[in-house]
């Protein structure tokens, strides 16, 4: 899954829960600009930031190492 797909999943779940971006950002402890960038698949957010947003939405992140 790439950054764009992660952003789509986060945005979709946020909308399902009827949470606006500013509320989610506050609940997850991230900046609004960071959340907007994640939802758009832009920037290079830290893994702990993505995990915090996902946890707030009740989503689980699974990592698969390629090698």
PDB file of N, CA and C in Angstrom:
ATOM      1  N   UNK A   1       0.850  -1.168   0.000  1.00  0.00           N
ATOM      2  CA  UNK A   1       0.000   0.000   0.000  1.00  0.00           C
ATOM      3  C   UNK A   1       0.902   1.238   0.000  1.00  0.00           C
ATOM      4  N   UNK A   2       0.626   2.168  -0.885  1.00  0.00           N
ATOM      5  CA  UNK A   2       1.438   3.382  -0.956  1.00  0.00           C
ATOM      6  C   UNK A   2       0.783   4.522  -0.176  1.00  0.00           C
ATOM      7  N   UNK A   3       1.468   5.677  -0.136  1.00  0.00           N
ATOM      8  CA  UNK A   3       0.973   6.826   0.634  1.00  0.00           C
ATOM      9  C   UNK A   3      -0.406   7.279   0.183  1.00  0.00           C
ATOM     10  N   UNK A   4      -0.652   7.242  -1.105  1.00  0.00           N
ATOM     11  CA  UNK A   4      -1.949   7.674  -1.643  1.00  0.00           C
ATOM     12  C   UNK A   4      -3.065   6.771  -1.120  1.00  0.00           C
ATOM     13  N   UNK A   5      -2.836   5.465  -1.145  1.00  0.00           N
ATOM     14  CA  UNK A   5      -3.841   4.509  -0.671  1.00  0.00           C
ATOM     15  C   UNK A   5      -4.083   4.643   0.830  1.00  0.00           C
ATOM     16  N   UNK A   6      -3.023   4.883   1.587  1.00  0.00           N
ATOM     17  CA  UNK A   6      -3.170   5.092   3.030  1.00  0.00           C
ATOM     18  C   UNK A   6      -4.037   6.319   3.276  1.00  0.00           C
ATOM     19  N   UNK A   7      -3.756   7.381   2.545  1.00  0.00           N
ATOM     20  CA  UNK A   7      -4.539   8.611   2.681  1.00  0.00           C
ATOM     21  C   UNK A   7      -6.005   8.406   2.365  1.00  0.00           C
ATOM     22  N   UNK A   8      -6.281   7.646   1.320  1.00  0.00           N
ATOM     23  CA  UNK A   8      -7.670   7.358   0.938  1.00  0.00           C
ATOM     24  C   UNK A   8      -8.373   6.580   2.047  1.00  0.00           C
ATOM     25  N   UNK A   9      -7.700   5.579   2.614  1.00  0.00           N
ATOM     26  CA  UNK A   9      -8.296   4.782   3.691  1.00  0.00           C
ATOM     27  C   UNK A   9      -8.595   5.640   4.917  1.00  0.00           C
ATOM     28  N   UNK A  10      -7.661   6.519   5.272  1.00  0.00           N
ATOM     29  CA  UNK A  10      -7.853   7.390   6.433  1.00  0.00           C
ATOM     30  C   UNK A  10      -8.999   8.362   6.190  1.00  0.00           C
ATOM     31  N   UNK A  11      -9.021   8.974   5.024  1.00  0.00           N
ATOM     32  CA  UNK A  11     -10.079   9.935   4.702  1.00  0.00           C
ATOM     33  C   UNK A  11     -11.449   9.257   4.674  1.00  0.00           C
ATOM     34  N   UNK A  12     -11.518   8.078   4.076  1.00  0.00           N
ATOM     35  CA  UNK A  12     -12.778   7.335   4.000  1.00  0.00           C
ATOM     36  C   UNK A  12     -13.298   7.001   5.394  1.00  0.00           C
ATOM     37  N   UNK A  13     -12.425   6.508   6.255  1.00  0.00           N
ATOM     38  CA  UNK A  13     -12.831   6.149   7.621  1.00  0.00           C
ATOM     39  C   UNK A  13     -13.259   7.390   8.402  1.00  0.00           C
ATOM     40  N   UNK A  14     -12.526   8.487   8.252  1.00  0.00           N
ATOM     41  CA  UNK A  14     -12.883   9.730   8.944  1.00  0.00           C
ATOM     42  C   UNK A  14     -14.286  10.172   8.546  1.00  0.00           C
ATOM     43  N   UNK A  15     -14.578  10.103   7.257  1.00  0.00           N
ATOM     44  CA  UNK A  15     -15.906  10.500   6.772  1.00  0.00           C
ATOM     45  C   UNK A  15     -16.991   9.544   7.260  1.00  0.00           C
ATOM     46  N   UNK A  16     -16.685   8.241   7.309  1.00  0.00           N
ATOM     47  CA  UNK A  16     -17.651   7.263   7.829  1.00  0.00           C
ATOM     48  C   UNK A  16     -18.034   7.589   9.269  1.00  0.00           C
ATOM     49  N   UNK A  17     -17.070   8.099  10.031  1.00  0.00           N
ATOM     50  CA  UNK A  17     -17.297   8.428  11.437  1.00  0.00           C
ATOM     51  C   UNK A  17     -17.807   9.854  11.633  1.00  0.00           C
ATOM     52  N   UNK A  18     -17.999  10.572  10.512  1.00  0.00           N
ATOM     53  CA  UNK A  18     -18.475  11.962  10.556  1.00  0.00           C
ATOM     54  C   UNK A  18     -17.606  12.854  11.443  1.00  0.00           C
ATOM     55  N   UNK A  19     -16.294  12.725  11.267  1.00  0.00           N
ATOM     56  CA  UNK A  19     -15.337  13.545  12.005  1.00  0.00           C
ATOM     57  C   UNK A  19     -14.691  14.504  11.017  1.00  0.00           C
ATOM     58  N   UNK A  20     -14.629  15.787  11.366  1.00  0.00           N
ATOM     59  CA  UNK A  20     -13.952  16.723  10.468  1.00  0.00           C
ATOM     60  C   UNK A  20     -12.440  16.664  10.701  1.00  0.00           C
ATOM     61  N   UNK A  21     -11.708  17.224   9.764  1.00  0.00           N
ATOM     62  CA  UNK A  21     -10.252  17.131   9.810  1.00  0.00           C
ATOM     63  C   UNK A  21      -9.662  17.772  11.062  1.00  0.00           C
ATOM     64  N   UNK A  22     -10.172  18.922  11.449  1.00  0.00           N
ATOM     65  CA  UNK A  22      -9.596  19.597  12.615  1.00  0.00           C
ATOM     66  C   UNK A  22      -9.830  18.801  13.897  1.00  0.00           C
ATOM     67  N   UNK A  23     -10.987  18.163  14.009  1.00  0.00           N
ATOM     68  CA  UNK A  23     -11.271  17.337  15.184  1.00  0.00           C
ATOM     69  C   UNK A  23     -10.361  16.122  15.216  1.00  0.00           C
ATOM     70  N   UNK A  24     -10.216  15.443  14.084  1.00  0.00           N
ATOM     71  CA  UNK A  24      -9.343  14.273  14.027  1.00  0.00           C
ATOM     72  C   UNK A  24      -7.906  14.658  14.341  1.00  0.00           C
ATOM     73  N   UNK A  25      -7.440  15.751  13.775  1.00  0.00           N
ATOM     74  CA  UNK A  25      -6.069  16.197  14.035  1.00  0.00           C
ATOM     75  C   UNK A  25      -5.860  16.412  15.532  1.00  0.00           C
ATOM     76  N   UNK A  26      -6.806  17.076  16.182  1.00  0.00           N
ATOM     77  CA  UNK A  26      -6.691  17.332  17.623  1.00  0.00           C
ATOM     78  C   UNK A  26      -6.708  16.034  18.423  1.00  0.00           C
ATOM     79  N   UNK A  27      -7.622  15.126  18.085  1.00  0.00           N
ATOM     80  CA  UNK A  27      -7.723  13.855  18.805  1.00  0.00           C
ATOM     81  C   UNK A  27      -6.472  13.000  18.634  1.00  0.00           C
ATOM     82  N   UNK A  28      -5.879  13.049  17.445  1.00  0.00           N
ATOM     83  CA  UNK A  28      -4.695  12.242  17.150  1.00  0.00           C
ATOM     84  C   UNK A  28      -3.401  12.925  17.587  1.00  0.00           C
ATOM     85  N   UNK A  29      -3.494  14.193  17.950  1.00  0.00           N
ATOM     86  CA  UNK A  29      -2.298  14.914  18.382  1.00  0.00           C
ATOM     87  C   UNK A  29      -1.363  15.276  17.252  1.00  0.00           C
ATOM     88  N   UNK A  30      -1.941  15.554  16.077  1.00  0.00           N
ATOM     89  CA  UNK A  30      -1.138  15.964  14.922  1.00  0.00           C
ATOM     90  C   UNK A  30      -1.657  17.304  14.411  1.00  0.00           C
ATOM     91  N   UNK A  31      -0.841  17.984  13.658  1.00  0.00           N
ATOM     92  CA  UNK A  31      -1.261  19.252  13.084  1.00  0.00           C
ATOM     93  C   UNK A  31      -2.252  19.049  11.948  1.00  0.00           C
ATOM     94  N   UNK A  32      -3.115  20.031  11.750  1.00  0.00           N
ATOM     95  CA  UNK A  32      -4.105  19.952  10.677  1.00  0.00           C
ATOM     96  C   UNK A  32      -3.427  19.841   9.320  1.00  0.00           C
ATOM     97  N   UNK A  33      -2.348  20.574   9.103  1.00  0.00           N
ATOM     98  CA  UNK A  33      -1.644  20.500   7.821  1.00  0.00           C
ATOM     99  C   UNK A  33      -1.053  19.117   7.589  1.00  0.00           C
ATOM    100  N   UNK A  34      -0.592  18.483   8.658  1.00  0.00           N
ATOM    101  CA  UNK A  34      -0.061  17.121   8.548  1.00  0.00           C
ATOM    102  C   UNK A  34      -1.162  16.156   8.144  1.00  0.00           C
ATOM    103  N   UNK A  35      -2.325  16.271   8.778  1.00  0.00           N
ATOM    104  CA  UNK A  35      -3.444  15.387   8.450  1.00  0.00           C
ATOM    105  C   UNK A  35      -3.893  15.584   7.010  1.00  0.00           C
ATOM    106  N   UNK A  36      -4.008  16.826   6.582  1.00  0.00           N
ATOM    107  CA  UNK A  36      -4.409  17.110   5.200  1.00  0.00           C
ATOM    108  C   UNK A  36      -3.410  16.478   4.232  1.00  0.00           C
ATOM    109  N   UNK A  37      -2.124  16.610   4.522  1.00  0.00           N
ATOM    110  CA  UNK A  37      -1.098  16.025   3.656  1.00  0.00           C
ATOM    111  C   UNK A  37      -1.218  14.505   3.612  1.00  0.00           C
ATOM    112  N   UNK A  38      -1.463  13.880   4.759  1.00  0.00           N
ATOM    113  CA  UNK A  38      -1.621  12.422   4.801  1.00  0.00           C
ATOM    114  C   UNK A  38      -2.806  12.003   3.946  1.00  0.00           C
ATOM    115  N   UNK A  39      -3.940  12.674   4.104  1.00  0.00           N
ATOM    116  CA  UNK A  39      -5.137  12.314   3.344  1.00  0.00           C
ATOM    117  C   UNK A  39      -4.940  12.501   1.844  1.00  0.00           C
ATOM    118  N   UNK A  40      -4.106  13.429   1.460  1.00  0.00           N
ATOM    119  CA  UNK A  40      -3.832  13.666   0.037  1.00  0.00           C
ATOM    120  C   UNK A  40      -2.714  12.776  -0.503  1.00  0.00           C
ATOM    121  N   UNK A  41      -2.053  12.042   0.382  1.00  0.00           N
ATOM    122  CA  UNK A  41      -0.945  11.193  -0.042  1.00  0.00           C
ATOM    123  C   UNK A  41       0.317  11.984  -0.299  1.00  0.00           C
ATOM    124  N   UNK A  42       0.403  13.171   0.301  1.00  0.00           N
ATOM    125  CA  UNK A  42       1.562  14.042   0.110  1.00  0.00           C
ATOM    126  C   UNK A  42       2.474  14.006   1.327  1.00  0.00           C
ATOM    127  N   UNK A  43       3.633  14.611   1.160  1.00  0.00           N
ATOM    128  CA  UNK A  43       4.568  14.723   2.270  1.00  0.00           C
ATOM    129  C   UNK A  43       5.207  13.395   2.598  1.00  0.00           C
ATOM    130  N   UNK A  44       5.877  13.385   3.733  1.00  0.00           N
ATOM    131  CA  UNK A  44       6.563  12.183   4.190  1.00  0.00           C
ATOM    132  C   UNK A  44       6.353  12.047   5.701  1.00  0.00           C
ATOM    133  N   UNK A  45       5.118  11.716   6.113  1.00  0.00           N
ATOM    134  CA  UNK A  45       4.827  11.659   7.548  1.00  0.00           C
ATOM    135  C   UNK A  45       5.580  10.526   8.235  1.00  0.00           C
ATOM    136  N   UNK A  46       5.873  10.741   9.500  1.00  0.00           N
ATOM    137  CA  UNK A  46       6.535   9.702  10.286  1.00  0.00           C
ATOM    138  C   UNK A  46       5.551   8.564  10.537  1.00  0.00           C
ATOM    139  N   UNK A  47       6.091   7.380  10.719  1.00  0.00           N
ATOM    140  CA  UNK A  47       5.253   6.208  10.964  1.00  0.00           C
ATOM    141  C   UNK A  47       4.407   6.388  12.220  1.00  0.00           C
ATOM    142  N   UNK A  48       4.981   6.950  13.275  1.00  0.00           N
ATOM    143  CA  UNK A  48       4.204   7.123  14.501  1.00  0.00           C
ATOM    144  C   UNK A  48       3.042   8.096  14.310  1.00  0.00           C
ATOM    145  N   UNK A  49       3.180   9.039  13.394  1.00  0.00           N
ATOM    146  CA  UNK A  49       2.090   9.965  13.089  1.00  0.00           C
ATOM    147  C   UNK A  49       0.945   9.224  12.406  1.00  0.00           C
ATOM    148  N   UNK A  50       1.277   8.401  11.433  1.00  0.00           N
ATOM    149  CA  UNK A  50       0.252   7.620  10.731  1.00  0.00           C
ATOM    150  C   UNK A  50      -0.435   6.653  11.695  1.00  0.00           C
ATOM    151  N   UNK A  51       0.339   6.027  12.561  1.00  0.00           N
ATOM    152  CA  UNK A  51      -0.230   5.096  13.536  1.00  0.00           C
ATOM    153  C   UNK A  51      -1.174   5.821  14.490  1.00  0.00           C
ATOM    154  N   UNK A  52      -0.803   7.010  14.928  1.00  0.00           N
ATOM    155  CA  UNK A  52      -1.650   7.792  15.828  1.00  0.00           C
ATOM    156  C   UNK A  52      -2.993   8.124  15.180  1.00  0.00           C
ATOM    157  N   UNK A  53      -2.955   8.552  13.927  1.00  0.00           N
ATOM    158  CA  UNK A  53      -4.189   8.871  13.204  1.00  0.00           C
ATOM    159  C   UNK A  53      -5.029   7.607  13.019  1.00  0.00           C
ATOM    160  N   UNK A  54      -4.388   6.523  12.606  1.00  0.00           N
ATOM    161  CA  UNK A  54      -5.102   5.263  12.395  1.00  0.00           C
ATOM    162  C   UNK A  54      -5.734   4.764  13.691  1.00  0.00           C
ATOM    163  N   UNK A  55      -4.981   4.796  14.785  1.00  0.00           N
ATOM    164  CA  UNK A  55      -5.514   4.360  16.082  1.00  0.00           C
ATOM    165  C   UNK A  55      -6.737   5.178  16.483  1.00  0.00           C
ATOM    166  N   UNK A  56      -6.671   6.470  16.272  1.00  0.00           N
ATOM    167  CA  UNK A  56      -7.783   7.355  16.615  1.00  0.00           C
ATOM    168  C   UNK A  56      -9.040   6.975  15.845  1.00  0.00           C
ATOM    169  N   UNK A  57      -8.858   6.492  14.622  1.00  0.00           N
ATOM    170  CA  UNK A  57      -9.987   6.102  13.774  1.00  0.00           C
ATOM    171  C   UNK A  57     -10.391   4.641  13.952  1.00  0.00           C
ATOM    172  N   UNK A  58      -9.679   3.915  14.805  1.00  0.00           N
ATOM    173  CA  UNK A  58      -9.975   2.503  15.002  1.00  0.00           C
ATOM    174  C   UNK A  58      -9.440   1.623  13.891  1.00  0.00           C
ATOM    175  N   UNK A  59      -8.442   2.128  13.172  1.00  0.00           N
ATOM    176  CA  UNK A  59      -7.815   1.363  12.101  1.00  0.00           C
ATOM    177  C   UNK A  59      -6.529   0.730  12.614  1.00  0.00           C
ATOM    178  N   UNK A  60      -6.131  -0.361  11.983  1.00  0.00           N
ATOM    179  CA  UNK A  60      -4.900  -1.043  12.361  1.00  0.00           C
ATOM    180  C   UNK A  60      -3.933  -1.004  11.186  1.00  0.00           C
ATOM    181  N   UNK A  61      -2.692  -0.677  11.468  1.00  0.00           N
ATOM    182  CA  UNK A  61      -1.651  -0.648  10.442  1.00  0.00           C
ATOM    183  C   UNK A  61      -0.886  -1.962  10.503  1.00  0.00           C
ATOM    184  N   UNK A  62      -0.759  -2.628   9.365  1.00  0.00           N
ATOM    185  CA  UNK A  62       0.043  -3.845   9.278  1.00  0.00           C
ATOM    186  C   UNK A  62       1.184  -3.581   8.314  1.00  0.00           C
ATOM    187  N   UNK A  63       2.388  -3.905   8.740  1.00  0.00           N
ATOM    188  CA  UNK A  63       3.561  -3.712   7.899  1.00  0.00           C
ATOM    189  C   UNK A  63       4.009  -5.046   7.331  1.00  0.00           C
ATOM    190  N   UNK A  64       4.360  -5.035   6.073  1.00  0.00           N
ATOM    191  CA  UNK A  64       4.920  -6.203   5.420  1.00  0.00           C
ATOM    192  C   UNK A  64       6.273  -5.809   4.864  1.00  0.00           C
ATOM    193  N   UNK A  65       7.302  -6.508   5.290  1.00  0.00           N
ATOM    194  CA  UNK A  65       8.640  -6.213   4.808  1.00  0.00           C
ATOM    195  C   UNK A  65       8.895  -6.983   3.522  1.00  0.00           C
ATOM    196  N   UNK A  66       9.400  -6.283   2.534  1.00  0.00           N
ATOM    197  CA  UNK A  66       9.728  -6.918   1.265  1.00  0.00           C
ATOM    198  C   UNK A  66      11.217  -7.214   1.259  1.00  0.00           C
ATOM    199  N   UNK A  67      11.561  -8.354   0.706  1.00  0.00           N
ATOM    200  CA  UNK A  67      12.987  -8.648   0.694  1.00  0.00           C
ATOM    201  C   UNK A  67      13.334  -9.798  -0.174  1.00  0.00           C
TER     202      UNK A  67
END
